[in-house]
Amino acid sequence: MRHLITIDDLSDVEIQNLFYVTRSLKSGETEYYSRVLNDSSYLRNKILANLFYEPSTRTSSSFAAAMHRLGGNVISINDVNYSSVAKGENLQDTIRTMGYYSDIIVLRSQNEGDAKLAAEVSEVPIINAGDGKGEHPTQTLLDLYTIQEKFKTIENLTVTFVGDVVNGRTVHSLSKALKRCNLNYCETYDIDKLPPSDVYYLTRVQRERGSKGSYELTRDHVAEMPDNCIVMHPFPRNEEIPQWFDSDPRASYFRQMENGLYIRMGILVSYK
């Protein structure tokens, strides 16, 4: 049994192996993984518990879709206010309970460190789907995969984080991973001073964590961006990326969403 609490739980080799599986699942390029993708009973009789203490669209849905595509079943608790948490049940007791009913738990929590705490008492693997402002390792994996899919490498690139880099857990995880690569990255709050970059990673202002302010990508900003760059965003977005930019070939956030399904399928395949 292995938990996935932080991106540091995976070595560089393990990440690249996961990317190979993801590529194969997405394209069906190998006979073995094509069979996995087309075999609706691959994870038959396996149950995933989606345990979410915070709202989620993409993470919870993509894990559920990934499990269903592989033949497994899902217990979804997407609002713990309708569980015994509303009666005062603590995290450890909830984790122990769900461990009796499932084979793997995907946990999103409000507090940094909750995923580690859950792993200490769980009898089944815990996948951290975001612990407060801590980390979000599976988002990091799909982000890295999207970058590598575009540039064929995650080395010798320049990545600029824009927006709420203090409370954005996706930034924390991804910057930690990028430090292991041979590349440059920077952080900025000033949308008017974007350095030339291969990747612009925009994040919303985390108002629920006390962050303030706003910013918006404009046509003038876009005109200054390199033609071959990509613009990423973990979503949900607010005003920072206007919808008119969605048709720009550099907009890569919907590709991130698609890759999230296959990355999470790859993760679940490894837990069989």
C-alpha atoms as a PDB file:
ATOM      1  CA  MET A   1       0.000   0.000   0.000  1.00  0.00           C
ATOM      2  CA  ARG A   2       1.289   3.472  -0.934  1.00  0.00           C
ATOM      3  CA  HIS A   3      -0.307   6.781  -0.176  1.00  0.00           C
ATOM      4  CA  LEU A   4      -0.006   9.776  -2.512  1.00  0.00           C
ATOM      5  CA  ILE A   5       0.126  12.745  -0.163  1.00  0.00           C
ATOM      6  CA  THR A   6       2.757  14.946  -1.788  1.00  0.00           C
ATOM      7  CA  ILE A   7       4.393  15.032  -5.210  1.00  0.00           C
ATOM      8  CA  ASP A   8       7.601  14.035  -3.414  1.00  0.00           C
ATOM      9  CA  ASP A   9       6.056  10.615  -2.820  1.00  0.00           C
ATOM     10  CA  LEU A  10       6.902   9.852  -6.467  1.00  0.00           C
ATOM     11  CA  SER A  11      10.395   9.655  -7.947  1.00  0.00           C
ATOM     12  CA  ASP A  12      11.202  11.148 -11.342  1.00  0.00           C
ATOM     13  CA  VAL A  13      11.274   7.630 -12.815  1.00  0.00           C
ATOM     14  CA  GLU A  14       7.856   6.822 -11.352  1.00  0.00           C
ATOM     15  CA  ILE A  15       6.423  10.037 -12.781  1.00  0.00           C
ATOM     16  CA  GLN A  16       7.747   9.232 -16.253  1.00  0.00           C
ATOM     17  CA  ASN A  17       6.404   5.671 -15.981  1.00  0.00           C
ATOM     18  CA  LEU A  18       2.995   7.126 -15.097  1.00  0.00           C
ATOM     19  CA  PHE A  19       3.228   9.430 -18.110  1.00  0.00           C
ATOM     20  CA  TYR A  20       3.902   6.413 -20.334  1.00  0.00           C
ATOM     21  CA  VAL A  21       0.790   4.715 -18.968  1.00  0.00           C
ATOM     22  CA  THR A  22      -1.202   7.931 -19.413  1.00  0.00           C
ATOM     23  CA  ARG A  23      -0.037   8.351 -23.001  1.00  0.00           C
ATOM     24  CA  SER A  24      -0.952   4.756 -23.741  1.00  0.00           C
ATOM     25  CA  LEU A  25      -4.387   5.056 -22.171  1.00  0.00           C
ATOM     26  CA  LYS A  26      -5.088   8.289 -24.004  1.00  0.00           C
ATOM     27  CA  SER A  27      -3.979   7.066 -27.434  1.00  0.00           C
ATOM     28  CA  GLY A  28      -4.329   3.280 -27.172  1.00  0.00           C
ATOM     29  CA  GLU A  29      -0.865   3.073 -28.716  1.00  0.00           C
ATOM     30  CA  THR A  30       0.113  -0.233 -27.091  1.00  0.00           C
ATOM     31  CA  GLU A  31      -1.784  -3.499 -27.140  1.00  0.00           C
ATOM     32  CA  TYR A  32      -1.643  -3.948 -23.365  1.00  0.00           C
ATOM     33  CA  TYR A  33      -2.957  -0.534 -22.413  1.00  0.00           C
ATOM     34  CA  SER A  34      -5.428  -0.543 -25.264  1.00  0.00           C
ATOM     35  CA  ARG A  35      -6.825  -3.689 -23.680  1.00  0.00           C
ATOM     36  CA  VAL A  36      -6.952  -1.989 -20.275  1.00  0.00           C
ATOM     37  CA  LEU A  37      -8.771   0.984 -21.747  1.00  0.00           C
ATOM     38  CA  ASN A  38     -11.308  -1.198 -23.525  1.00  0.00           C
ATOM     39  CA  ASP A  39     -11.723  -3.663 -20.661  1.00  0.00           C
ATOM     40  CA  SER A  40     -14.583  -2.340 -18.573  1.00  0.00           C
ATOM     41  CA  SER A  41     -13.879  -4.953 -15.894  1.00  0.00           C
ATOM     42  CA  TYR A  42     -10.203  -4.081 -15.233  1.00  0.00           C
ATOM     43  CA  LEU A  43     -10.951  -2.817 -11.715  1.00  0.00           C
ATOM     44  CA  ARG A  44     -14.087  -4.911 -11.242  1.00  0.00           C
ATOM     45  CA  ASN A  45     -15.091  -5.282  -7.582  1.00  0.00           C
ATOM     46  CA  LYS A  46     -12.827  -2.370  -6.599  1.00  0.00           C
ATOM     47  CA  ILE A  47     -14.402   0.637  -4.869  1.00  0.00           C
ATOM     48  CA  LEU A  48     -13.096   4.194  -4.700  1.00  0.00           C
ATOM     49  CA  ALA A  49     -14.371   6.591  -2.042  1.00  0.00           C
ATOM     50  CA  ASN A  50     -14.483  10.255  -3.068  1.00  0.00           C
ATOM     51  CA  LEU A  51     -14.395  12.056   0.284  1.00  0.00           C
ATOM     52  CA  PHE A  52     -14.562  15.817  -0.259  1.00  0.00           C
ATOM     53  CA  TYR A  53     -14.677  18.371   2.553  1.00  0.00           C
ATOM     54  CA  GLU A  54     -14.460  21.190  -0.023  1.00  0.00           C
ATOM     55  CA  PRO A  55     -16.298  21.748  -3.326  1.00  0.00           C
ATOM     56  CA  SER A  56     -14.892  20.142  -6.466  1.00  0.00           C
ATOM     57  CA  THR A  57     -15.917  19.723 -10.081  1.00  0.00           C
ATOM     58  CA  ARG A  58     -12.954  18.411 -12.064  1.00  0.00           C
ATOM     59  CA  THR A  59     -11.050  16.408  -9.447  1.00  0.00           C
ATOM     60  CA  SER A  60     -14.005  14.510  -8.014  1.00  0.00           C
ATOM     61  CA  SER A  61     -15.647  13.951 -11.412  1.00  0.00           C
ATOM     62  CA  SER A  62     -12.465  12.831 -13.169  1.00  0.00           C
ATOM     63  CA  PHE A  63     -11.622  10.338 -10.417  1.00  0.00           C
ATOM     64  CA  ALA A  64     -15.179   8.987 -10.583  1.00  0.00           C
ATOM     65  CA  ALA A  65     -15.066   8.798 -14.384  1.00  0.00           C
ATOM     66  CA  ALA A  66     -11.639   7.146 -14.303  1.00  0.00           C
ATOM     67  CA  MET A  67     -12.850   4.495 -11.865  1.00  0.00           C
ATOM     68  CA  HIS A  68     -16.016   3.812 -13.861  1.00  0.00           C
ATOM     69  CA  ARG A  69     -14.069   3.541 -17.134  1.00  0.00           C
ATOM     70  CA  LEU A  70     -11.861   0.910 -15.522  1.00  0.00           C
ATOM     71  CA  GLY A  71     -14.835  -1.104 -14.297  1.00  0.00           C
ATOM     72  CA  GLY A  72     -14.793  -0.058 -10.649  1.00  0.00           C
ATOM     73  CA  ASN A  73     -17.400   1.568  -8.450  1.00  0.00           C
ATOM     74  CA  VAL A  74     -17.464   4.866  -6.582  1.00  0.00           C
ATOM     75  CA  ILE A  75     -18.818   6.029  -3.248  1.00  0.00           C
ATOM     76  CA  SER A  76     -19.247   9.785  -3.560  1.00  0.00           C
ATOM     77  CA  ILE A  77     -19.396  12.020  -0.512  1.00  0.00           C
ATOM     78  CA  ASN A  78     -19.071  15.390  -2.174  1.00  0.00           C
ATOM     79  CA  ASP A  79     -20.637  17.302   0.674  1.00  0.00           C
ATOM     80  CA  VAL A  80     -19.576  16.070   4.091  1.00  0.00           C
ATOM     81  CA  ASN A  81     -22.279  18.215   5.673  1.00  0.00           C
ATOM     82  CA  TYR A  82     -24.615  15.368   4.739  1.00  0.00           C
ATOM     83  CA  SER A  83     -22.392  12.793   6.426  1.00  0.00           C
ATOM     84  CA  SER A  84     -21.653  12.157  10.100  1.00  0.00           C
ATOM     85  CA  VAL A  85     -19.134  15.008   9.958  1.00  0.00           C
ATOM     86  CA  ALA A  86     -22.176  17.239  10.511  1.00  0.00           C
ATOM     87  CA  LYS A  87     -22.639  15.407  13.808  1.00  0.00           C
ATOM     88  CA  GLY A  88     -19.091  16.119  14.925  1.00  0.00           C
ATOM     89  CA  GLU A  89     -17.262  13.070  13.605  1.00  0.00           C
ATOM     90  CA  ASN A  90     -13.509  13.677  13.345  1.00  0.00           C
ATOM     91  CA  LEU A  91     -11.388  13.018  10.271  1.00  0.00           C
ATOM     92  CA  GLN A  92      -9.686   9.928  11.650  1.00  0.00           C
ATOM     93  CA  ASP A  93     -12.963   8.172  12.417  1.00  0.00           C
ATOM     94  CA  THR A  94     -14.359   9.028   8.993  1.00  0.00           C
ATOM     95  CA  ILE A  95     -11.224   7.674   7.287  1.00  0.00           C
ATOM     96  CA  ARG A  96     -11.300   4.453   9.289  1.00  0.00           C
ATOM     97  CA  THR A  97     -14.982   3.999   8.442  1.00  0.00           C
ATOM     98  CA  MET A  98     -14.549   4.561   4.704  1.00  0.00           C
ATOM     99  CA  GLY A  99     -11.590   2.202   4.697  1.00  0.00           C
ATOM    100  CA  TYR A 100     -13.957  -0.651   5.553  1.00  0.00           C
ATOM    101  CA  TYR A 101     -16.155   0.148   2.564  1.00  0.00           C
ATOM    102  CA  SER A 102     -13.606   0.992  -0.118  1.00  0.00           C
ATOM    103  CA  ASP A 103     -10.239   0.016  -1.559  1.00  0.00           C
ATOM    104  CA  ILE A 104      -8.854   3.531  -2.008  1.00  0.00           C
ATOM    105  CA  ILE A 105      -9.830   6.970  -0.672  1.00  0.00           C
ATOM    106  CA  VAL A 106      -9.516  10.246  -2.575  1.00  0.00           C
ATOM    107  CA  LEU A 107      -9.527  12.974   0.063  1.00  0.00           C
ATOM    108  CA  ARG A 108      -9.992  16.727  -0.265  1.00  0.00           C
ATOM    109  CA  SER A 109      -9.846  18.591   3.015  1.00  0.00           C
ATOM    110  CA  GLN A 110      -9.875  22.138   4.329  1.00  0.00           C
ATOM    111  CA  ASN A 111      -6.708  22.012   6.392  1.00  0.00           C
ATOM    112  CA  GLU A 112      -3.092  21.648   5.352  1.00  0.00           C
ATOM    113  CA  GLY A 113      -1.761  18.390   6.763  1.00  0.00           C
ATOM    114  CA  ASP A 114      -5.102  16.556   6.837  1.00  0.00           C
ATOM    115  CA  ALA A 115      -4.058  14.121   4.101  1.00  0.00           C
ATOM    116  CA  LYS A 116      -0.972  13.105   6.072  1.00  0.00           C
ATOM    117  CA  LEU A 117      -3.101  12.709   9.184  1.00  0.00           C
ATOM    118  CA  ALA A 118      -5.538  10.507   7.253  1.00  0.00           C
ATOM    119  CA  ALA A 119      -2.712   8.337   5.942  1.00  0.00           C
ATOM    120  CA  GLU A 120      -1.516   7.679   9.486  1.00  0.00           C
ATOM    121  CA  VAL A 121      -4.762   5.882  10.381  1.00  0.00           C
ATOM    122  CA  SER A 122      -5.966   4.531   7.034  1.00  0.00           C
ATOM    123  CA  GLU A 123      -5.936   0.843   6.149  1.00  0.00           C
ATOM    124  CA  VAL A 124      -6.284   1.686   2.444  1.00  0.00           C
ATOM    125  CA  PRO A 125      -4.312   4.056   0.183  1.00  0.00           C
ATOM    126  CA  ILE A 126      -5.048   7.777   0.534  1.00  0.00           C
ATOM    127  CA  ILE A 127      -4.786  10.048  -2.506  1.00  0.00           C
ATOM    128  CA  ASN A 128      -4.510  13.707  -1.580  1.00  0.00           C
ATOM    129  CA  ALA A 129      -6.941  15.691  -3.733  1.00  0.00           C
ATOM    130  CA  GLY A 130      -5.976  18.956  -2.044  1.00  0.00           C
ATOM    131  CA  ASP A 131      -5.381  19.666   1.636  1.00  0.00           C
ATOM    132  CA  GLY A 132      -6.187  23.296   2.327  1.00  0.00           C
ATOM    133  CA  LYS A 133      -3.396  25.468   0.947  1.00  0.00           C
ATOM    134  CA  GLY A 134      -0.972  22.538   1.139  1.00  0.00           C
ATOM    135  CA  GLU A 135      -0.591  20.372  -1.961  1.00  0.00           C
ATOM    136  CA  HIS A 136      -2.567  18.815  -4.803  1.00  0.00           C
ATOM    137  CA  PRO A 137      -0.255  16.150  -6.272  1.00  0.00           C
ATOM    138  CA  THR A 138      -2.572  14.684  -8.914  1.00  0.00           C
ATOM    139  CA  GLN A 139      -3.164  18.182 -10.299  1.00  0.00           C
ATOM    140  CA  THR A 140       0.608  18.574 -10.456  1.00  0.00           C
ATOM    141  CA  LEU A 141       0.900  15.329 -12.393  1.00  0.00           C
ATOM    142  CA  LEU A 142      -1.633  16.405 -15.005  1.00  0.00           C
ATOM    143  CA  ASP A 143       0.040  19.829 -15.187  1.00  0.00           C
ATOM    144  CA  LEU A 144       3.461  18.282 -15.771  1.00  0.00           C
ATOM    145  CA  TYR A 145       2.011  15.884 -18.312  1.00  0.00           C
ATOM    146  CA  THR A 146       0.356  18.763 -20.207  1.00  0.00           C
ATOM    147  CA  ILE A 147       3.671  20.636 -20.318  1.00  0.00           C
ATOM    148  CA  GLN A 148       5.576  17.577 -21.488  1.00  0.00           C
ATOM    149  CA  GLU A 149       2.907  16.761 -24.058  1.00  0.00           C
ATOM    150  CA  LYS A 150       3.377  20.216 -25.576  1.00  0.00           C
ATOM    151  CA  PHE A 151       7.161  20.603 -25.378  1.00  0.00           C
ATOM    152  CA  LYS A 152       8.216  16.907 -25.280  1.00  0.00           C
ATOM    153  CA  THR A 153      10.186  17.712 -22.133  1.00  0.00           C
ATOM    154  CA  ILE A 154       9.873  19.411 -18.764  1.00  0.00           C
ATOM    155  CA  GLU A 155      13.470  20.625 -18.807  1.00  0.00           C
ATOM    156  CA  ASN A 156      15.071  23.815 -20.114  1.00  0.00           C
ATOM    157  CA  LEU A 157      11.778  25.711 -19.998  1.00  0.00           C
ATOM    158  CA  THR A 158      10.674  28.918 -18.324  1.00  0.00           C
ATOM    159  CA  VAL A 159       7.488  28.746 -16.238  1.00  0.00           C
ATOM    160  CA  THR A 160       5.832  31.830 -14.752  1.00  0.00           C
ATOM    161  CA  PHE A 161       3.214  31.561 -12.006  1.00  0.00           C
ATOM    162  CA  VAL A 162       0.721  34.416 -12.021  1.00  0.00           C
ATOM    163  CA  GLY A 163      -1.792  35.292  -9.320  1.00  0.00           C
ATOM    164  CA  ASP A 164      -2.277  33.862  -5.841  1.00  0.00           C
ATOM    165  CA  VAL A 165       0.953  31.964  -5.282  1.00  0.00           C
ATOM    166  CA  VAL A 166       0.659  32.128  -1.488  1.00  0.00           C
ATOM    167  CA  ASN A 167      -2.603  30.246  -0.959  1.00  0.00           C
ATOM    168  CA  GLY A 168      -2.782  28.311  -4.230  1.00  0.00           C
ATOM    169  CA  ARG A 169      -2.047  24.661  -3.446  1.00  0.00           C
ATOM    170  CA  THR A 170      -1.615  23.789  -7.114  1.00  0.00           C
ATOM    171  CA  VAL A 171       1.265  26.280  -7.286  1.00  0.00           C
ATOM    172  CA  HIS A 172       2.850  24.780  -4.180  1.00  0.00           C
ATOM    173  CA  SER A 173       2.833  21.266  -5.603  1.00  0.00           C
ATOM    174  CA  LEU A 174       3.901  22.216  -9.110  1.00  0.00           C
ATOM    175  CA  SER A 175       6.723  24.528  -8.004  1.00  0.00           C
ATOM    176  CA  LYS A 176       8.025  21.736  -5.763  1.00  0.00           C
ATOM    177  CA  ALA A 177       8.095  19.389  -8.754  1.00  0.00           C
ATOM    178  CA  LEU A 178       9.698  21.966 -11.035  1.00  0.00           C
ATOM    179  CA  LYS A 179      12.546  22.481  -8.580  1.00  0.00           C
ATOM    180  CA  ARG A 180      13.584  18.924  -9.425  1.00  0.00           C
ATOM    181  CA  CYS A 181      13.848  19.800 -13.136  1.00  0.00           C
ATOM    182  CA  ASN A 182      16.427  21.785 -15.085  1.00  0.00           C
ATOM    183  CA  LEU A 183      14.308  24.855 -15.782  1.00  0.00           C
ATOM    184  CA  ASN A 184      13.591  28.402 -14.714  1.00  0.00           C
ATOM    185  CA  TYR A 185      10.464  29.508 -12.941  1.00  0.00           C
ATOM    186  CA  CYS A 186       9.292  32.728 -11.400  1.00  0.00           C
ATOM    187  CA  GLU A 187       6.272  34.083  -9.560  1.00  0.00           C
ATOM    188  CA  THR A 188       4.518  37.406 -10.049  1.00  0.00           C
ATOM    189  CA  TYR A 189       1.489  39.269  -8.790  1.00  0.00           C
ATOM    190  CA  ASP A 190       1.820  41.876 -11.543  1.00  0.00           C
ATOM    191  CA  ILE A 191       0.044  40.813 -14.728  1.00  0.00           C
ATOM    192  CA  ASP A 192       1.513  43.873 -16.470  1.00  0.00           C
ATOM    193  CA  LYS A 193       5.083  42.625 -16.036  1.00  0.00           C
ATOM    194  CA  LEU A 194       5.060  39.131 -17.488  1.00  0.00           C
ATOM    195  CA  PRO A 195       8.512  37.864 -18.481  1.00  0.00           C
ATOM    196  CA  PRO A 196       8.897  35.898 -21.746  1.00  0.00           C
ATOM    197  CA  SER A 197       8.022  32.317 -20.826  1.00  0.00           C
ATOM    198  CA  ASP A 198       7.161  28.934 -22.256  1.00  0.00           C
ATOM    199  CA  VAL A 199       4.389  28.390 -19.716  1.00  0.00           C
ATOM    200  CA  TYR A 200       2.165  30.917 -17.980  1.00  0.00           C
ATOM    201  CA  TYR A 201       0.356  29.282 -15.078  1.00  0.00           C
ATOM    202  CA  LEU A 202      -2.511  31.503 -13.925  1.00  0.00           C
ATOM    203  CA  THR A 203      -4.436  30.942 -10.706  1.00  0.00           C
ATOM    204  CA  ARG A 204      -7.553  32.498  -9.241  1.00  0.00           C
ATOM    205  CA  VAL A 205      -7.447  34.601  -6.103  1.00  0.00           C
ATOM    206  CA  GLN A 206      -8.204  32.254  -3.189  1.00  0.00           C
ATOM    207  CA  ARG A 207     -10.780  34.433  -1.447  1.00  0.00           C
ATOM    208  CA  GLU A 208     -11.971  31.561   0.720  1.00  0.00           C
ATOM    209  CA  ARG A 209      -8.470  31.518   2.260  1.00  0.00           C
ATOM    210  CA  GLY A 210      -8.356  35.252   2.889  1.00  0.00           C
ATOM    211  CA  SER A 211      -6.642  36.441  -0.307  1.00  0.00           C
ATOM    212  CA  LYS A 212      -7.765  39.751  -1.776  1.00  0.00           C
ATOM    213  CA  GLY A 213      -7.564  41.568  -5.080  1.00  0.00           C
ATOM    214  CA  SER A 214      -8.126  40.590  -8.694  1.00  0.00           C
ATOM    215  CA  TYR A 215      -6.440  40.642 -12.081  1.00  0.00           C
ATOM    216  CA  GLU A 216      -7.386  39.956 -15.693  1.00  0.00           C
ATOM    217  CA  LEU A 217      -5.544  38.834 -18.797  1.00  0.00           C
ATOM    218  CA  THR A 218      -6.053  41.455 -21.512  1.00  0.00           C
ATOM    219  CA  ARG A 219      -5.482  41.527 -25.250  1.00  0.00           C
ATOM    220  CA  ASP A 220      -2.389  43.650 -24.636  1.00  0.00           C
ATOM    221  CA  HIS A 221      -0.962  40.988 -22.323  1.00  0.00           C
ATOM    222  CA  VAL A 222      -1.704  38.270 -24.846  1.00  0.00           C
ATOM    223  CA  ALA A 223      -0.017  40.238 -27.614  1.00  0.00           C
ATOM    224  CA  GLU A 224       3.225  40.213 -25.608  1.00  0.00           C
ATOM    225  CA  MET A 225       3.205  36.445 -25.069  1.00  0.00           C
ATOM    226  CA  PRO A 226       5.409  34.208 -27.251  1.00  0.00           C
ATOM    227  CA  ASP A 227       3.584  32.444 -30.079  1.00  0.00           C
ATOM    228  CA  ASN A 228       4.664  28.987 -28.897  1.00  0.00           C
ATOM    229  CA  CYS A 229       3.847  29.401 -25.221  1.00  0.00           C
ATOM    230  CA  ILE A 230       0.937  27.805 -23.388  1.00  0.00           C
ATOM    231  CA  VAL A 231      -1.393  29.354 -20.818  1.00  0.00           C
ATOM    232  CA  MET A 232      -2.517  27.010 -18.054  1.00  0.00           C
ATOM    233  CA  HIS A 233      -5.024  27.309 -15.222  1.00  0.00           C
ATOM    234  CA  PRO A 234      -6.149  24.663 -12.693  1.00  0.00           C
ATOM    235  CA  PHE A 235      -9.727  26.039 -12.665  1.00  0.00           C
ATOM    236  CA  PRO A 236     -12.194  27.152 -11.533  1.00  0.00           C
ATOM    237  CA  ARG A 237     -11.440  30.499 -13.085  1.00  0.00           C
ATOM    238  CA  ASN A 238     -12.967  33.819 -12.157  1.00  0.00           C
ATOM    239  CA  GLU A 239     -12.171  37.029 -14.005  1.00  0.00           C
ATOM    240  CA  GLU A 240      -8.460  36.288 -14.584  1.00  0.00           C
ATOM    241  CA  ILE A 241      -8.947  34.600 -17.988  1.00  0.00           C
ATOM    242  CA  PRO A 242     -11.745  36.019 -20.175  1.00  0.00           C
ATOM    243  CA  GLN A 243     -13.680  33.581 -22.327  1.00  0.00           C
ATOM    244  CA  TRP A 244     -12.559  35.234 -25.563  1.00  0.00           C
ATOM    245  CA  PHE A 245      -9.101  33.747 -24.929  1.00  0.00           C
ATOM    246  CA  ASP A 246     -10.468  30.180 -24.996  1.00  0.00           C
ATOM    247  CA  SER A 247     -10.132  29.987 -28.785  1.00  0.00           C
ATOM    248  CA  ASP A 248      -6.477  31.044 -28.717  1.00  0.00           C
ATOM    249  CA  PRO A 249      -4.238  28.053 -29.597  1.00  0.00           C
ATOM    250  CA  ARG A 250      -2.086  28.872 -26.575  1.00  0.00           C
ATOM    251  CA  ALA A 251      -4.996  28.272 -24.182  1.00  0.00           C
ATOM    252  CA  SER A 252      -4.234  24.871 -22.642  1.00  0.00           C
ATOM    253  CA  TYR A 253      -6.534  24.660 -19.633  1.00  0.00           C
ATOM    254  CA  PHE A 254      -9.174  22.500 -21.323  1.00  0.00           C
ATOM    255  CA  ARG A 255      -6.396  20.148 -22.378  1.00  0.00           C
ATOM    256  CA  GLN A 256      -5.378  20.005 -18.721  1.00  0.00           C
ATOM    257  CA  MET A 257      -8.907  18.899 -17.835  1.00  0.00           C
ATOM    258  CA  GLU A 258      -8.862  16.140 -20.436  1.00  0.00           C
ATOM    259  CA  ASN A 259      -5.448  14.955 -19.313  1.00  0.00           C
ATOM    260  CA  GLY A 260      -6.709  14.839 -15.745  1.00  0.00           C
ATOM    261  CA  LEU A 261      -8.944  11.907 -16.624  1.00  0.00           C
ATOM    262  CA  TYR A 262      -6.135   9.850 -18.128  1.00  0.00           C
ATOM    263  CA  ILE A 263      -3.609  10.739 -15.434  1.00  0.00           C
ATOM    264  CA  ARG A 264      -6.075   9.582 -12.783  1.00  0.00           C
ATOM    265  CA  MET A 265      -6.835   6.431 -14.745  1.00  0.00           C
ATOM    266  CA  GLY A 266      -3.098   5.764 -14.807  1.00  0.00           C
ATOM    267  CA  ILE A 267      -2.857   6.280 -11.069  1.00  0.00           C
ATOM    268  CA  LEU A 268      -5.732   3.865 -10.424  1.00  0.00           C
ATOM    269  CA  VAL A 269      -4.256   1.259 -12.769  1.00  0.00           C
ATOM    270  CA  SER A 270      -1.121   1.279 -10.623  1.00  0.00           C
ATOM    271  CA  TYR A 271      -3.172   0.464  -7.510  1.00  0.00           C
ATOM    272  CA  LYS A 272      -4.746  -2.697  -8.934  1.00  0.00           C
END
